[in-house]
Amino acid sequence: MEKAYKFRLYPTYAQEVMIRKTFGCVRYVYNYYLNKRRTEYIDDGVSFGYKQCSADLTCLKKELLWLREPDSIALQASLENLQAAYDNFFKARERGDKNWGFPVFKKKSDNRRTYTTKNQNGTVKVLEKHIKLPKLGLVPCRVSKRLEGRILNVTVSQTPGGKYYVSVCCTDVKIPQYIKTGNAVGIDLGLSAIAVTSDGNEYSNHKHLSKSSKKLAREQRRLSRKTIGGSNYTKQRIKVAKVHERITAKRNDSVHKMTTELVKNNDMIVMEDLAVTNMIKNRRLSKAIADASWGEIKRQLEYKSMWHCRTFLQVGRFYPSSQLCGCGYQNADVKDLKIRFWACTNCGAEHDRDVNASRNILREGIRLLDLKQAS
């Protein structure tokens, strides 16, 4: 199994200069061959593929000597990324997905800068307080976890706030398994509480963005008064970026703790398949939905369940989980989000909207699993 470990880098001034040069060269190679592939196809109708680009890169290095400075594998990885962008575009066209656009040029002003290099014959090593990288040598690094398995590749990145990170991808990793509990849980995602489970547990919505909104607005107002492109503008832009990074870090921490607890304590997890992309178009709720990170919760539950051999299921997004009573009666009035409690007119049972929804989601998940196993 593959697993990635992410660590903070503290490069020296010389190493930082080389990292920035690599970012620039990788971006140049990507844009150069994207333009060349488009030009060759428009002028001659010829498809200039990855192999042709790779062979042409050798000639380009002889013309542009500064392309020899950074790691050559990083430049090659840039061509692989370009080919992947083309492949994803054509696959999206085949399945009729219009949201996936044609590959575009990378800007120098992009918020996130990255490059990827591979481990070849020990060119990448993780030590106690350093990591060895091609062309950089030993880079000071905060190694917070012990690596397992064999290192495949590493990705060096710089955040908009100016911090450097390295993501180390390892294969043949043996992940320790949690003890089987025999428990199954249904999860109803929401905004007042970020998640309510079928056993009555409620996970609070910390609303990290709204709590930092005043500070963020203040820093953004200061940024709006600066001259674009000036040194003071750059300093203030970094301050704004650091506020966003702090919000993201808090949100990721709370989501990771919640999903880990759910996977550890339950053998089966069922949740609703929410159309977050469509729901976020609601102008009144878009900011709150984005801050709740429903999509990230689903992603983490999915891969953590796979790691620890748990069963993860999703019920259909049109399943009326909030409206159903255990006796089978469906109350269509519960579509109104203002109704938090309701009583069944058929059997008289009283329901908490969120807890009832999570229990119905669990029942539906068990039913779908039984059908799957029977087939």
Protein backbone atom coordinates (compact mmCIF):
# COMPACT_ATOMS: atom_id res chain seq x y z
CA MET A 1 0.00 0.00 0.00
CA GLU A 2 1.19 3.54 -0.77
CA LYS A 3 1.22 6.32 1.80
CA ALA A 4 2.50 9.90 1.79
CA TYR A 5 4.25 11.69 4.66
CA LYS A 6 4.31 15.49 4.72
CA PHE A 7 7.04 17.41 6.56
CA ARG A 8 7.98 21.09 6.98
CA LEU A 9 11.24 22.17 5.31
CA TYR A 10 13.61 24.86 6.61
CA PRO A 11 16.01 25.36 3.67
CA THR A 12 19.11 27.54 3.84
CA TYR A 13 19.30 30.63 1.65
CA ALA A 14 21.26 28.79 -1.09
CA GLN A 15 18.83 25.86 -1.00
CA GLU A 16 15.85 28.23 -1.15
CA VAL A 17 17.32 29.89 -4.25
CA MET A 18 17.73 26.48 -5.94
CA ILE A 19 14.18 25.46 -5.02
CA ARG A 20 12.82 28.66 -6.56
CA LYS A 21 14.93 28.12 -9.69
CA THR A 22 13.50 24.61 -9.97
CA PHE A 23 9.95 25.96 -9.66
CA GLY A 24 10.66 28.39 -12.50
CA CYS A 25 12.32 25.81 -14.77
CA VAL A 26 9.54 23.27 -14.22
CA ARG A 27 6.94 25.91 -15.04
CA TYR A 28 8.89 26.98 -18.16
CA VAL A 29 9.20 23.41 -19.49
CA TYR A 30 5.49 22.76 -18.92
CA ASN A 31 4.43 25.96 -20.72
CA TYR A 32 7.00 25.56 -23.53
CA TYR A 33 5.84 22.08 -24.51
CA LEU A 34 2.17 22.87 -24.02
CA ASN A 35 2.62 25.66 -26.55
CA LYS A 36 4.64 23.40 -28.85
CA ARG A 37 2.04 20.61 -28.76
CA ARG A 38 -0.74 23.07 -29.57
CA THR A 39 1.27 24.70 -32.37
CA GLU A 40 2.29 21.40 -33.96
CA TYR A 41 -1.30 20.18 -33.97
CA ILE A 42 -2.75 23.44 -35.37
CA ASP A 43 -0.08 23.90 -38.09
CA ASP A 44 0.57 20.33 -39.22
CA GLY A 45 -2.17 18.25 -37.58
CA VAL A 46 0.57 16.20 -35.87
CA SER A 47 0.25 14.95 -32.30
CA PHE A 48 3.47 15.87 -30.47
CA GLY A 49 3.33 13.31 -27.65
CA TYR A 50 5.28 12.67 -24.48
CA LYS A 51 8.11 10.72 -26.17
CA GLN A 52 8.72 13.50 -28.69
CA CYS A 53 8.69 16.10 -25.90
CA SER A 54 11.15 14.07 -23.83
CA ALA A 55 13.57 13.74 -26.76
CA ASP A 56 13.22 17.42 -27.62
CA LEU A 57 13.94 18.42 -24.01
CA THR A 58 17.50 17.11 -24.39
CA CYS A 59 18.04 19.49 -27.32
CA LEU A 60 16.40 22.36 -25.44
CA LYS A 61 18.87 21.94 -22.57
CA LYS A 62 21.75 22.45 -25.02
CA GLU A 63 20.22 25.75 -26.13
CA LEU A 64 19.15 27.00 -22.70
CA LEU A 65 22.02 26.21 -20.35
CA TRP A 66 20.13 27.41 -17.26
CA LEU A 67 17.82 24.40 -17.63
CA ARG A 68 20.77 22.24 -16.56
CA GLU A 69 20.91 23.78 -13.09
CA PRO A 70 17.86 22.15 -11.45
CA ASP A 71 17.11 18.46 -11.03
CA SER A 72 16.63 16.84 -14.46
CA ILE A 73 14.07 14.37 -13.08
CA ALA A 74 11.89 17.28 -11.95
CA LEU A 75 11.84 18.60 -15.53
CA GLN A 76 10.93 15.14 -16.80
CA ALA A 77 8.13 14.92 -14.23
CA SER A 78 6.77 18.20 -15.59
CA LEU A 79 6.36 16.55 -19.01
CA GLU A 80 4.59 13.61 -17.35
CA ASN A 81 2.20 16.06 -15.67
CA LEU A 82 1.49 17.69 -19.02
CA GLN A 83 0.73 14.30 -20.58
CA ALA A 84 -1.55 13.46 -17.64
CA ALA A 85 -3.40 16.76 -18.18
CA TYR A 86 -4.01 15.82 -21.83
CA ASP A 87 -5.12 12.30 -20.90
CA ASN A 88 -7.55 13.58 -18.27
CA PHE A 89 -9.01 16.07 -20.74
CA PHE A 90 -9.70 13.46 -23.42
CA LYS A 91 -11.10 10.98 -20.88
CA ALA A 92 -13.46 13.67 -19.62
CA ARG A 93 -14.64 14.36 -23.18
CA GLU A 94 -15.34 10.66 -23.72
CA ARG A 95 -17.58 10.46 -20.67
CA GLY A 96 -19.26 13.79 -21.49
CA ASP A 97 -17.82 15.78 -18.58
CA LYS A 98 -17.65 19.42 -19.67
CA ASN A 99 -16.20 20.66 -16.37
CA TRP A 100 -12.72 19.32 -17.20
CA GLY A 101 -11.07 21.90 -19.47
CA PHE A 102 -8.14 21.82 -21.88
CA PRO A 103 -4.65 22.15 -20.30
CA VAL A 104 -3.76 25.79 -19.59
CA PHE A 105 -0.48 27.63 -19.10
CA LYS A 106 0.95 27.97 -15.60
CA LYS A 107 1.40 31.49 -14.24
CA LYS A 108 4.36 32.71 -12.25
CA SER A 109 1.88 34.28 -9.84
CA ASP A 110 0.16 30.94 -9.06
CA ASN A 111 -0.47 30.59 -5.35
CA ARG A 112 0.97 27.09 -5.08
CA ARG A 113 4.38 26.16 -6.49
CA THR A 114 5.51 22.54 -6.62
CA TYR A 115 7.91 20.16 -8.29
CA THR A 116 8.26 16.38 -8.09
CA THR A 117 11.40 14.26 -8.24
CA LYS A 118 11.95 10.51 -7.97
CA ASN A 119 14.13 8.41 -5.70
CA GLN A 120 16.78 6.77 -7.86
CA ASN A 121 19.51 4.72 -6.18
CA GLY A 122 19.19 6.51 -2.86
CA THR A 123 19.05 10.10 -4.13
CA VAL A 124 16.30 10.71 -1.56
CA LYS A 125 16.84 9.83 2.10
CA VAL A 126 14.99 10.86 5.23
CA LEU A 127 17.22 11.26 8.28
CA GLU A 128 16.48 12.30 11.85
CA LYS A 129 16.45 16.08 11.27
CA HIS A 130 17.22 16.35 7.55
CA ILE A 131 16.07 15.06 4.20
CA LYS A 132 18.44 14.45 1.32
CA LEU A 133 17.15 15.79 -2.01
CA PRO A 134 18.74 15.89 -5.48
CA LYS A 135 20.67 19.14 -6.20
CA LEU A 136 19.90 20.38 -2.68
CA GLY A 137 21.79 18.01 -0.42
CA LEU A 138 20.74 17.77 3.22
CA VAL A 139 17.80 20.11 3.84
CA PRO A 140 16.78 20.85 7.46
CA CYS A 141 13.41 19.19 8.01
CA ARG A 142 10.99 18.58 10.87
CA VAL A 143 10.56 14.81 10.60
CA SER A 144 7.48 14.23 12.76
CA LYS A 145 6.81 10.60 11.81
CA ARG A 146 8.87 7.50 11.21
CA LEU A 147 8.80 6.50 7.55
CA GLU A 148 7.95 2.96 6.54
CA GLY A 149 8.29 1.20 3.20
CA ARG A 150 10.30 2.25 0.16
CA ILE A 151 10.46 5.86 -1.03
CA LEU A 152 9.04 6.32 -4.55
CA ASN A 153 9.09 10.08 -5.07
CA VAL A 154 8.96 13.40 -3.26
CA THR A 155 7.09 16.62 -3.99
CA VAL A 156 8.53 19.92 -2.77
CA SER A 157 5.98 22.73 -2.44
CA GLN A 158 5.77 26.33 -1.29
CA THR A 159 2.59 27.74 0.22
CA PRO A 160 1.34 31.29 -0.52
CA GLY A 161 2.53 32.21 2.98
CA GLY A 162 6.12 31.32 2.05
CA LYS A 163 6.45 28.02 3.94
CA TYR A 164 8.19 25.03 2.32
CA TYR A 165 6.97 21.45 2.62
CA VAL A 166 8.02 18.08 1.28
CA SER A 167 5.62 15.19 0.65
CA VAL A 168 7.33 11.79 0.63
CA CYS A 169 5.41 9.03 -1.17
CA CYS A 170 6.27 5.52 0.05
CA THR A 171 5.17 2.10 -1.15
CA ASP A 172 5.03 -1.31 0.58
CA VAL A 173 3.77 0.39 3.75
CA LYS A 174 2.20 -1.89 6.36
CA ILE A 175 -0.52 0.06 8.15
CA PRO A 176 -1.44 -1.29 11.63
CA GLN A 177 -5.03 -2.51 11.78
CA TYR A 178 -7.59 -1.44 14.36
CA ILE A 179 -9.31 -4.06 16.52
CA LYS A 180 -12.70 -5.22 15.20
CA THR A 181 -15.52 -3.67 17.22
CA GLY A 182 -18.62 -5.10 15.53
CA ASN A 183 -20.15 -1.60 15.47
CA ALA A 184 -21.87 0.07 12.52
CA VAL A 185 -22.67 3.78 12.32
CA GLY A 186 -24.67 6.09 10.08
CA ILE A 187 -23.56 9.71 9.67
CA ASP A 188 -25.70 12.73 8.83
CA LEU A 189 -23.64 15.79 7.87
CA GLY A 190 -24.94 19.24 8.72
CA LEU A 191 -24.06 22.84 9.55
CA SER A 192 -25.25 23.37 13.13
CA ALA A 193 -23.41 20.15 14.00
CA ILE A 194 -20.88 19.05 11.41
CA ALA A 195 -21.86 15.39 11.91
CA VAL A 196 -24.50 13.51 13.91
CA THR A 197 -24.18 9.73 14.23
CA SER A 198 -26.84 7.05 14.58
CA ASP A 199 -25.71 6.27 18.14
CA GLY A 200 -26.47 9.86 19.22
CA ASN A 201 -22.96 11.37 19.15
CA GLU A 202 -22.70 14.92 17.87
CA TYR A 203 -19.55 16.53 16.46
CA SER A 204 -19.53 20.32 16.80
CA ASN A 205 -19.03 22.58 13.82
CA HIS A 206 -16.12 24.76 14.92
CA LYS A 207 -16.74 27.29 12.13
CA HIS A 208 -13.07 28.19 11.80
CA LEU A 209 -13.63 30.61 8.91
CA SER A 210 -16.36 32.62 10.62
CA LYS A 211 -14.34 32.83 13.86
CA SER A 212 -11.41 34.35 11.96
CA SER A 213 -13.55 36.49 9.64
CA LYS A 214 -12.84 39.78 11.42
CA LYS A 215 -9.08 39.28 11.36
CA LEU A 216 -9.20 38.13 7.74
CA ALA A 217 -11.32 41.13 6.70
CA ARG A 218 -8.92 43.51 8.44
CA GLU A 219 -5.87 42.09 6.67
CA GLN A 220 -7.68 42.07 3.32
CA ARG A 221 -8.66 45.74 3.75
CA ARG A 222 -5.02 46.61 4.36
CA LEU A 223 -4.07 44.64 1.24
CA SER A 224 -6.60 46.55 -0.87
CA ARG A 225 -4.86 49.83 0.01
CA LYS A 226 -1.45 48.67 -1.25
CA THR A 227 -0.11 49.24 -4.75
CA ILE A 228 -0.25 45.99 -6.70
CA GLY A 229 3.25 44.71 -7.42
CA GLY A 230 4.96 46.77 -4.72
CA SER A 231 7.03 45.39 -1.84
CA ASN A 232 4.42 46.42 0.75
CA TYR A 233 1.75 44.65 -1.31
CA THR A 234 3.82 41.45 -1.29
CA LYS A 235 4.33 41.64 2.49
CA GLN A 236 0.63 42.17 3.12
CA ARG A 237 -0.34 39.42 0.67
CA ILE A 238 1.76 37.00 2.72
CA LYS A 239 -0.03 38.11 5.91
CA VAL A 240 -3.41 37.40 4.31
CA ALA A 241 -2.15 34.02 3.10
CA LYS A 242 -0.97 33.11 6.61
CA VAL A 243 -4.44 33.81 8.04
CA HIS A 244 -5.94 31.46 5.42
CA GLU A 245 -3.30 28.81 6.20
CA ARG A 246 -4.07 29.02 9.91
CA ILE A 247 -7.78 28.52 9.23
CA THR A 248 -7.04 25.55 6.97
CA ALA A 249 -4.71 23.95 9.53
CA LYS A 250 -7.34 24.19 12.30
CA ARG A 251 -10.04 22.77 10.02
CA ASN A 252 -7.87 19.86 8.85
CA ASP A 253 -6.90 19.04 12.44
CA SER A 254 -10.52 18.80 13.64
CA VAL A 255 -11.62 16.80 10.59
CA HIS A 256 -8.73 14.33 10.93
CA LYS A 257 -9.49 13.75 14.62
CA MET A 258 -13.18 13.16 13.89
CA THR A 259 -12.68 10.77 10.97
CA THR A 260 -9.98 8.79 12.77
CA GLU A 261 -12.26 8.33 15.79
CA LEU A 262 -15.15 7.17 13.58
CA VAL A 263 -13.00 4.66 11.68
CA LYS A 264 -11.35 3.36 14.85
CA ASN A 265 -14.62 2.73 16.72
CA ASN A 266 -16.76 1.30 13.88
CA ASP A 267 -16.41 -1.59 11.46
CA MET A 268 -19.01 -0.16 9.07
CA ILE A 269 -19.56 3.51 8.20
CA VAL A 270 -22.49 4.76 6.10
CA MET A 271 -23.04 8.34 4.96
CA GLU A 272 -25.09 10.23 2.42
CA ASP A 273 -23.73 10.93 -1.06
CA LEU A 274 -24.05 14.72 -1.04
CA ALA A 275 -23.73 16.81 -4.22
CA VAL A 276 -21.43 19.36 -2.55
CA THR A 277 -20.52 21.03 -5.86
CA ASN A 278 -24.16 21.81 -6.53
CA MET A 279 -25.02 22.70 -2.93
CA ILE A 280 -22.20 25.21 -2.71
CA LYS A 281 -23.89 27.29 -5.44
CA ASN A 282 -26.44 28.38 -2.84
CA ARG A 283 -25.36 31.96 -2.08
CA ARG A 284 -26.71 31.95 1.45
CA LEU A 285 -25.04 28.70 2.51
CA SER A 286 -21.99 28.45 0.23
CA LYS A 287 -19.50 29.87 2.74
CA ALA A 288 -20.85 27.73 5.60
CA ILE A 289 -20.81 24.56 3.46
CA ALA A 290 -17.25 25.23 2.30
CA ASP A 291 -16.15 25.82 5.90
CA ALA A 292 -17.77 22.54 7.00
CA SER A 293 -15.57 20.55 4.56
CA TRP A 294 -18.12 17.84 3.76
CA GLY A 295 -16.14 16.70 0.74
CA GLU A 296 -12.95 16.36 2.80
CA ILE A 297 -14.80 14.38 5.48
CA LYS A 298 -16.02 11.93 2.84
CA ARG A 299 -12.53 11.64 1.30
CA GLN A 300 -10.86 10.91 4.63
CA LEU A 301 -13.46 8.38 5.73
CA GLU A 302 -13.09 6.59 2.40
CA TYR A 303 -9.32 6.17 2.39
CA LYS A 304 -9.01 5.54 6.14
CA SER A 305 -11.65 2.81 5.88
CA MET A 306 -9.65 1.23 3.05
CA TRP A 307 -6.42 1.42 5.08
CA HIS A 308 -7.95 -0.28 8.13
CA CYS A 309 -10.21 -2.77 6.31
CA ARG A 310 -13.46 -1.08 7.33
CA THR A 311 -16.63 -1.05 5.22
CA PHE A 312 -17.53 2.39 3.84
CA LEU A 313 -20.83 2.92 2.03
CA GLN A 314 -22.80 5.85 0.65
CA VAL A 315 -26.56 5.95 0.16
CA GLY A 316 -28.17 7.80 -2.74
CA ARG A 317 -28.38 11.59 -2.49
CA PHE A 318 -32.13 11.49 -3.13
CA TYR A 319 -32.83 9.08 -0.26
CA PRO A 320 -35.29 10.91 2.11
CA SER A 321 -33.37 10.14 5.29
CA SER A 322 -34.79 13.07 7.31
CA GLN A 323 -38.41 12.38 6.35
CA LEU A 324 -38.75 8.69 7.18
CA CYS A 325 -40.00 7.18 10.43
CA GLY A 326 -39.02 3.70 11.59
CA CYS A 327 -42.60 2.52 10.91
CA GLY A 328 -42.23 3.44 7.22
CA TYR A 329 -44.23 6.70 7.27
CA GLN A 330 -42.74 9.56 5.23
CA ASN A 331 -43.32 13.16 6.34
CA ALA A 332 -42.71 15.43 3.35
CA ASP A 333 -42.97 18.57 5.52
CA VAL A 334 -39.53 17.84 6.98
CA LYS A 335 -37.99 19.15 3.74
CA ASP A 336 -38.09 22.52 5.50
CA LEU A 337 -34.70 22.91 7.22
CA LYS A 338 -36.29 24.92 10.05
CA ILE A 339 -38.05 21.79 11.36
CA ARG A 340 -35.56 20.22 13.81
CA PHE A 341 -38.02 17.97 15.70
CA TRP A 342 -41.17 16.21 14.48
CA ALA A 343 -43.66 13.56 15.57
CA CYS A 344 -44.89 10.71 13.37
CA THR A 345 -48.67 10.91 12.81
CA ASN A 346 -48.75 7.16 12.13
CA CYS A 347 -47.09 5.71 15.25
CA GLY A 348 -46.61 8.80 17.41
CA ALA A 349 -42.81 8.46 17.66
CA GLU A 350 -40.91 11.71 18.24
CA HIS A 351 -37.79 12.34 16.19
CA ASP A 352 -34.74 14.57 16.32
CA ARG A 353 -34.22 15.44 12.66
CA ASP A 354 -30.46 14.75 12.50
CA VAL A 355 -30.38 11.64 14.69
CA ASN A 356 -33.33 10.15 12.80
CA ALA A 357 -31.62 10.86 9.47
CA SER A 358 -28.40 9.15 10.56
CA ARG A 359 -30.34 6.07 11.72
CA ASN A 360 -32.21 5.85 8.43
CA ILE A 361 -28.93 6.22 6.55
CA LEU A 362 -27.52 3.28 8.53
CA ARG A 363 -30.60 1.13 7.79
CA GLU A 364 -30.37 1.91 4.09
CA GLY A 365 -26.65 1.17 4.06
CA ILE A 366 -27.20 -2.25 5.67
CA ARG A 367 -29.95 -2.99 3.13
CA LEU A 368 -27.67 -2.04 0.20
CA LEU A 369 -24.84 -4.16 1.61
CA ASP A 370 -27.14 -7.18 1.95
CA LEU A 371 -28.29 -6.76 -1.66
CA LYS A 372 -24.69 -6.50 -2.82
CA GLN A 373 -23.66 -9.64 -0.96
CA ALA A 374 -26.72 -11.55 -2.19
CA SER A 375 -25.91 -10.73 -5.81
